[in-house]
């Protein structure tokens, strides 16, 4: 049985997060750090097509309750490489992994890659979304799956190496590719939202935070290939177009790739920044703290990943609880 008082309590907490209201404590969940360990040899990867995906397979019972602790829970489509697939990349799957292959070898083919309205991967995404909404019957919200942003989509289409060269060798064509990726991202995200019923007048983000309007999570992992000035010139207009298209846009970053933060903080329509701590591959929480503090002062901040107990205490002592969400796993100092 849903406890409506609990749902309304969490909604008020989430409204305060978005508005950066004065609060006594941040939104927070803590778990135990369990680094991934390979249990055996990977199986050979196989190509997968949308016709091979049974939509009903991804429609389970949903969460037992729409809320627990500080967060709201829902159901969403699986984490396939949806945007890459819709753009035309071939998709490979192995145990625990899904990835895409680049395919655009000639700029003369650029205009032909723009996805059509009857794109089979888009149709599969919307079919799963529709079934999830029917199953939920208003008991819990429907969430967005992983959607990679324009620069990640462009890099998937071109490959990382060609993406780096395209900025200098084919800037006009690269800009056009980013425009196509941006338009596709917005169209797909809006189509998914249209099939996702309102839940208490709002929608649920990918980080279990409800918003009183349309919410979108984008990302720019491949901005690691770009300098801040190149990001500002080529990619910021694309990201700002996404920010303008939804009520509560947030962007995902990695602690090892925070060189675009200063530019993003100037984006007025961007409502929140999420940072994944990449320990041990990237900066730790302690090393990231100066930049995290800068974000925390200007925009809502969602922080995910592993921290030590001392780093957790440092975060709580240094960062304001206003507009702060900590979804962390606690690791031993020697992990």
Protein backbone atom coordinates (compact mmCIF):
# COMPACT_ATOMS: atom_id res chain seq x y z
CA UNK A 1 0.00 0.00 0.00
CA UNK A 2 1.43 3.37 -1.04
CA UNK A 3 1.89 5.86 1.77
CA UNK A 4 0.86 9.14 0.18
CA UNK A 5 2.26 11.13 3.09
CA UNK A 6 5.70 9.65 2.40
CA UNK A 7 5.42 10.45 -1.31
CA UNK A 8 4.47 14.06 -0.56
CA UNK A 9 7.28 14.34 2.00
CA UNK A 10 9.85 13.24 -0.58
CA UNK A 11 8.36 15.55 -3.21
CA UNK A 12 8.79 18.55 -0.89
CA UNK A 13 12.42 17.53 -0.28
CA UNK A 14 13.02 17.28 -4.01
CA UNK A 15 11.41 20.65 -4.71
CA UNK A 16 13.77 22.16 -2.14
CA UNK A 17 16.72 20.48 -3.89
CA UNK A 18 15.91 22.01 -7.27
CA UNK A 19 15.31 25.46 -5.79
CA UNK A 20 18.41 25.28 -3.57
CA UNK A 21 16.35 26.15 -0.51
CA UNK A 22 17.88 26.24 2.94
CA UNK A 23 17.68 22.74 4.45
CA UNK A 24 19.25 21.00 7.41
CA UNK A 25 20.70 18.07 5.49
CA UNK A 26 21.27 16.97 1.89
CA UNK A 27 19.44 14.23 0.06
CA UNK A 28 21.56 11.21 0.89
CA UNK A 29 21.93 7.47 0.50
CA UNK A 30 24.97 5.46 1.56
CA UNK A 31 25.97 1.96 0.55
CA UNK A 32 28.97 -0.34 0.73
CA UNK A 33 31.64 -0.09 -1.95
CA UNK A 34 31.84 -3.24 -4.06
CA UNK A 35 34.37 -2.85 -6.89
CA UNK A 36 33.62 -4.84 -10.01
CA UNK A 37 35.53 -8.08 -10.29
CA UNK A 38 35.61 -10.24 -13.40
CA UNK A 39 34.17 -13.63 -12.54
CA UNK A 40 35.24 -15.38 -15.72
CA UNK A 41 36.07 -14.91 -19.40
CA UNK A 42 33.75 -12.65 -21.37
CA UNK A 43 31.48 -14.33 -23.85
CA UNK A 44 31.92 -13.47 -27.51
CA UNK A 45 29.99 -10.33 -28.40
CA UNK A 46 27.07 -10.61 -30.81
CA UNK A 47 25.23 -7.99 -32.83
CA UNK A 48 21.68 -7.29 -31.75
CA UNK A 49 18.79 -5.74 -33.68
CA UNK A 50 15.58 -4.23 -32.30
CA UNK A 51 13.58 -7.12 -33.72
CA UNK A 52 15.50 -9.48 -31.41
CA UNK A 53 14.48 -7.53 -28.29
CA UNK A 54 11.29 -8.79 -26.69
CA UNK A 55 9.75 -5.70 -25.09
CA UNK A 56 7.70 -7.67 -22.57
CA UNK A 57 10.91 -9.14 -21.14
CA UNK A 58 11.80 -5.74 -19.70
CA UNK A 59 8.50 -5.13 -17.95
CA UNK A 60 8.74 -6.42 -14.39
CA UNK A 61 6.65 -5.77 -11.32
CA UNK A 62 8.27 -2.40 -10.64
CA UNK A 63 9.30 -1.11 -7.21
CA UNK A 64 7.36 -2.27 -4.17
CA UNK A 65 7.09 1.35 -3.06
CA UNK A 66 7.52 4.59 -4.97
CA UNK A 67 9.67 6.07 -2.20
CA UNK A 68 12.26 5.02 0.35
CA UNK A 69 14.38 7.32 2.45
CA UNK A 70 15.11 10.54 0.58
CA UNK A 71 14.44 9.14 -2.88
CA UNK A 72 11.71 8.14 -5.30
CA UNK A 73 11.75 4.95 -7.35
CA UNK A 74 10.29 4.04 -10.70
CA UNK A 75 10.78 1.75 -13.68
CA UNK A 76 12.47 2.46 -17.00
CA UNK A 77 13.69 0.82 -20.20
CA UNK A 78 16.98 -1.12 -20.09
CA UNK A 79 20.29 0.62 -20.67
CA UNK A 80 20.90 -0.19 -24.31
CA UNK A 81 22.88 2.29 -26.41
CA UNK A 82 19.60 3.86 -27.49
CA UNK A 83 20.85 7.13 -28.97
CA UNK A 84 23.76 5.48 -30.78
CA UNK A 85 21.46 2.79 -32.18
CA UNK A 86 18.87 5.32 -33.32
CA UNK A 87 21.65 7.25 -35.09
CA UNK A 88 22.53 4.10 -37.06
CA UNK A 89 25.37 2.46 -35.12
CA UNK A 90 25.42 -1.33 -34.98
CA UNK A 91 25.01 -2.55 -31.39
CA UNK A 92 26.98 -5.39 -29.82
CA UNK A 93 26.10 -7.16 -26.61
CA UNK A 94 28.00 -9.47 -24.27
CA UNK A 95 27.47 -10.45 -20.65
CA UNK A 96 27.06 -7.22 -18.71
CA UNK A 97 28.14 -4.97 -21.60
CA UNK A 98 26.54 -3.18 -24.53
CA UNK A 99 28.45 -0.99 -26.97
CA UNK A 100 28.28 0.47 -30.45
CA UNK A 101 30.40 0.57 -33.60
CA UNK A 102 31.16 3.72 -35.64
CA UNK A 103 29.95 3.71 -39.22
CA UNK A 104 30.19 7.13 -40.92
CA UNK A 105 33.19 6.93 -43.27
CA UNK A 106 32.29 9.65 -45.78
CA UNK A 107 31.03 13.14 -44.95
CA UNK A 108 29.01 13.02 -48.18
CA UNK A 109 26.70 10.55 -46.42
CA UNK A 110 26.09 12.89 -43.48
CA UNK A 111 22.57 14.07 -44.34
CA UNK A 112 21.45 10.50 -45.00
CA UNK A 113 22.05 9.42 -41.40
CA UNK A 114 19.34 11.63 -39.87
CA UNK A 115 16.92 9.13 -38.26
CA UNK A 116 13.43 8.77 -39.72
CA UNK A 117 10.20 8.84 -37.73
CA UNK A 118 9.79 5.08 -38.22
CA UNK A 119 13.27 4.26 -36.89
CA UNK A 120 13.05 0.67 -35.55
CA UNK A 121 15.20 1.37 -32.47
CA UNK A 122 13.05 4.36 -31.54
CA UNK A 123 9.94 2.24 -32.04
CA UNK A 124 11.35 -0.41 -29.67
CA UNK A 125 12.21 2.19 -27.01
CA UNK A 126 8.69 3.63 -27.17
CA UNK A 127 7.11 0.16 -27.12
CA UNK A 128 8.94 -0.70 -23.89
CA UNK A 129 8.08 2.70 -22.38
CA UNK A 130 4.40 2.23 -23.23
CA UNK A 131 4.31 -1.23 -21.65
CA UNK A 132 6.06 0.04 -18.51
CA UNK A 133 3.53 2.84 -18.13
CA UNK A 134 0.63 0.41 -18.55
CA UNK A 135 2.14 -1.90 -15.92
CA UNK A 136 2.70 0.95 -13.45
CA UNK A 137 -0.95 2.08 -13.52
CA UNK A 138 0.09 5.30 -11.78
CA UNK A 139 1.61 3.51 -8.77
CA UNK A 140 5.15 4.72 -9.55
CA UNK A 141 6.83 6.93 -12.18
CA UNK A 142 8.52 5.92 -15.44
CA UNK A 143 12.17 6.92 -15.71
CA UNK A 144 14.55 7.75 -18.53
CA UNK A 145 17.11 5.13 -19.56
CA UNK A 146 20.70 6.11 -20.32
CA UNK A 147 20.71 8.64 -23.17
CA UNK A 148 24.16 9.73 -24.31
CA UNK A 149 24.43 13.37 -25.34
CA UNK A 150 25.35 14.97 -28.68
CA UNK A 151 29.15 14.73 -28.41
CA UNK A 152 28.92 11.09 -27.31
CA UNK A 153 26.52 10.35 -30.16
CA UNK A 154 28.84 12.06 -32.66
CA UNK A 155 31.84 10.14 -31.35
CA UNK A 156 29.86 6.90 -31.62
CA UNK A 157 29.08 7.66 -35.25
CA UNK A 158 32.63 8.73 -36.17
CA UNK A 159 34.86 6.93 -33.68
CA UNK A 160 37.00 8.73 -31.11
CA UNK A 161 40.04 9.31 -33.32
CA UNK A 162 38.06 10.78 -36.22
CA UNK A 163 36.13 12.96 -33.77
CA UNK A 164 39.37 14.56 -32.59
CA UNK A 165 40.53 15.25 -36.15
CA UNK A 166 37.09 16.42 -37.35
CA UNK A 167 37.19 19.47 -35.07
CA UNK A 168 40.17 20.77 -37.08
CA UNK A 169 39.92 19.06 -40.47
CA UNK A 170 36.15 19.21 -41.08
CA UNK A 171 34.69 21.77 -38.65
CA UNK A 172 31.60 22.59 -40.72
CA UNK A 173 30.68 18.95 -41.24
CA UNK A 174 31.35 18.21 -37.57
CA UNK A 175 29.04 21.05 -36.52
CA UNK A 176 26.34 19.67 -38.79
CA UNK A 177 26.76 16.20 -37.28
CA UNK A 178 26.37 17.71 -33.80
CA UNK A 179 23.22 19.52 -34.96
CA UNK A 180 21.72 16.25 -36.21
CA UNK A 181 22.65 14.51 -32.95
CA UNK A 182 21.15 17.33 -30.88
CA UNK A 183 17.88 17.38 -32.81
CA UNK A 184 17.65 13.59 -32.54
CA UNK A 185 18.34 13.65 -28.80
CA UNK A 186 15.57 16.17 -28.17
CA UNK A 187 13.05 14.41 -30.41
CA UNK A 188 13.69 11.02 -28.81
CA UNK A 189 13.61 12.40 -25.26
CA UNK A 190 10.33 14.21 -25.88
CA UNK A 191 8.76 11.15 -27.51
CA UNK A 192 9.64 9.07 -24.44
CA UNK A 193 8.25 11.71 -22.08
CA UNK A 194 4.96 11.82 -23.99
CA UNK A 195 4.43 8.14 -23.12
CA UNK A 196 5.49 8.59 -19.48
CA UNK A 197 2.50 9.68 -17.36
CA UNK A 198 2.85 12.52 -14.90
CA UNK A 199 3.43 11.33 -11.35
CA UNK A 200 2.08 13.80 -8.79
CA UNK A 201 2.42 16.53 -11.39
CA UNK A 202 6.02 15.82 -12.34
CA UNK A 203 8.58 13.36 -13.66
CA UNK A 204 11.39 11.30 -12.16
CA UNK A 205 15.02 11.86 -13.12
CA UNK A 206 17.54 9.07 -13.59
CA UNK A 207 18.90 9.79 -10.10
CA UNK A 208 15.67 9.05 -8.22
CA UNK A 209 14.94 12.77 -7.82
CA UNK A 210 11.44 13.93 -8.76
CA UNK A 211 11.00 17.23 -10.59
CA UNK A 212 7.84 19.36 -10.96
CA UNK A 213 8.17 19.44 -14.75
CA UNK A 214 9.87 17.72 -17.65
CA UNK A 215 13.28 16.38 -16.65
CA UNK A 216 16.15 15.19 -18.82
CA UNK A 217 19.59 13.79 -18.10
CA UNK A 218 22.21 14.36 -20.76
CA UNK A 219 25.93 13.70 -20.72
CA UNK A 220 29.13 14.72 -22.47
CA UNK A 221 31.69 12.04 -21.64
CA UNK A 222 33.53 12.60 -24.91
CA UNK A 223 34.08 16.24 -24.02
CA UNK A 224 37.25 14.71 -22.56
CA UNK A 225 38.47 14.89 -26.18
CA UNK A 226 37.88 18.66 -26.31
CA UNK A 227 39.54 21.63 -24.65
CA UNK A 228 37.25 24.00 -22.69
CA UNK A 229 37.39 26.55 -25.53
CA UNK A 230 36.58 23.90 -28.15
CA UNK A 231 33.73 22.61 -26.00
CA UNK A 232 32.36 26.15 -25.70
CA UNK A 233 32.61 26.74 -29.44
CA UNK A 234 31.28 23.44 -30.77
CA UNK A 235 29.28 21.69 -28.08
CA UNK A 236 27.86 24.25 -25.66
CA UNK A 237 25.30 25.50 -28.22
CA UNK A 238 24.08 21.90 -28.57
CA UNK A 239 23.83 21.34 -24.84
CA UNK A 240 22.10 24.70 -24.37
CA UNK A 241 19.53 23.70 -26.98
CA UNK A 242 18.79 20.63 -24.85
CA UNK A 243 18.66 22.73 -21.67
CA UNK A 244 16.15 25.07 -23.37
CA UNK A 245 13.90 22.17 -24.37
CA UNK A 246 13.09 20.79 -20.90
CA UNK A 247 12.11 22.25 -17.54
CA UNK A 248 14.71 20.47 -15.41
CA UNK A 249 17.80 19.51 -17.43
CA UNK A 250 20.80 18.01 -15.68
CA UNK A 251 24.15 16.93 -17.09
CA UNK A 252 26.34 13.99 -16.09
CA UNK A 253 30.10 14.49 -15.72
CA UNK A 254 33.01 12.41 -14.43
CA UNK A 255 35.48 13.52 -11.77
CA UNK A 256 38.27 12.88 -14.26
CA UNK A 257 36.71 15.28 -16.76
CA UNK A 258 35.63 18.46 -14.98
CA UNK A 259 37.38 20.96 -17.25
CA UNK A 260 34.04 22.14 -18.68
CA UNK A 261 32.50 23.03 -15.31
CA UNK A 262 33.22 26.77 -15.53
CA UNK A 263 31.51 26.93 -18.91
CA UNK A 264 28.51 24.91 -17.71
CA UNK A 265 28.03 27.06 -14.63
CA UNK A 266 27.33 29.98 -16.96
CA UNK A 267 24.54 28.03 -18.72
CA UNK A 268 21.48 29.67 -17.21
CA UNK A 269 18.95 26.98 -18.14
CA UNK A 270 21.04 24.08 -16.77
CA UNK A 271 19.37 23.13 -13.50
CA UNK A 272 21.82 20.61 -11.98
CA UNK A 273 25.20 18.95 -12.47
CA UNK A 274 25.87 15.32 -11.57
CA UNK A 275 29.44 14.17 -10.96
CA UNK A 276 30.49 10.52 -10.86
CA UNK A 277 33.58 9.92 -8.74
CA UNK A 278 35.85 7.73 -10.86
CA UNK A 279 38.00 6.21 -8.14
CA UNK A 280 40.50 4.73 -8.75
CA UNK A 281 40.65 5.82 -12.41
CA UNK A 282 39.93 9.50 -11.82
CA UNK A 283 40.01 12.14 -9.13
CA UNK A 284 38.88 11.10 -5.67
CA UNK A 285 36.30 13.05 -3.68
CA UNK A 286 39.03 14.88 -1.78
CA UNK A 287 40.86 15.82 -4.98
CA UNK A 288 37.62 16.97 -6.62
CA UNK A 289 36.44 19.00 -3.63
CA UNK A 290 37.43 22.51 -4.85
CA UNK A 291 35.46 22.05 -8.08
CA UNK A 292 32.57 20.35 -6.27
CA UNK A 293 32.38 23.32 -3.91
CA UNK A 294 32.25 25.69 -6.87
CA UNK A 295 29.33 23.76 -8.36
CA UNK A 296 27.59 23.53 -4.98
CA UNK A 297 27.66 27.31 -4.65
CA UNK A 298 25.99 27.90 -8.02
CA UNK A 299 23.80 24.94 -8.98
CA UNK A 300 22.28 21.80 -7.48
CA UNK A 301 24.91 19.05 -7.29
CA UNK A 302 24.38 15.29 -7.41
CA UNK A 303 27.46 13.32 -6.36
CA UNK A 304 27.75 9.57 -6.91
CA UNK A 305 30.53 7.03 -6.44
CA UNK A 306 32.90 5.67 -3.78
CA UNK A 307 34.31 7.69 -0.87
CA UNK A 308 36.21 6.90 2.29
CA UNK A 309 34.62 7.71 5.63
CA UNK A 310 36.98 10.64 6.07
CA UNK A 311 36.09 11.95 2.59
CA UNK A 312 32.40 11.65 3.43
CA UNK A 313 32.90 13.71 6.57
CA UNK A 314 34.90 16.25 4.58
CA UNK A 315 32.11 16.55 2.02
CA UNK A 316 29.49 17.08 4.72
CA UNK A 317 31.64 19.67 6.47
CA UNK A 318 32.60 21.59 3.32
CA UNK A 319 29.55 21.51 1.07
CA UNK A 320 26.27 23.28 1.75
CA UNK A 321 23.23 21.00 2.07
CA UNK A 322 21.35 23.43 -0.21
CA UNK A 323 20.78 21.72 -3.55
CA UNK A 324 23.02 18.81 -2.57
CA UNK A 325 22.42 15.11 -3.21
CA UNK A 326 24.93 12.48 -2.08
CA UNK A 327 24.45 8.95 -3.45
CA UNK A 328 27.67 7.37 -2.28
CA UNK A 329 29.28 4.06 -1.42
CA UNK A 330 31.75 3.98 1.47
CA UNK A 331 35.07 2.22 0.91
CA UNK A 332 37.95 1.35 3.21
CA UNK A 333 40.98 3.61 3.08
CA UNK A 334 43.08 0.78 1.59
CA UNK A 335 40.58 -0.29 -1.10
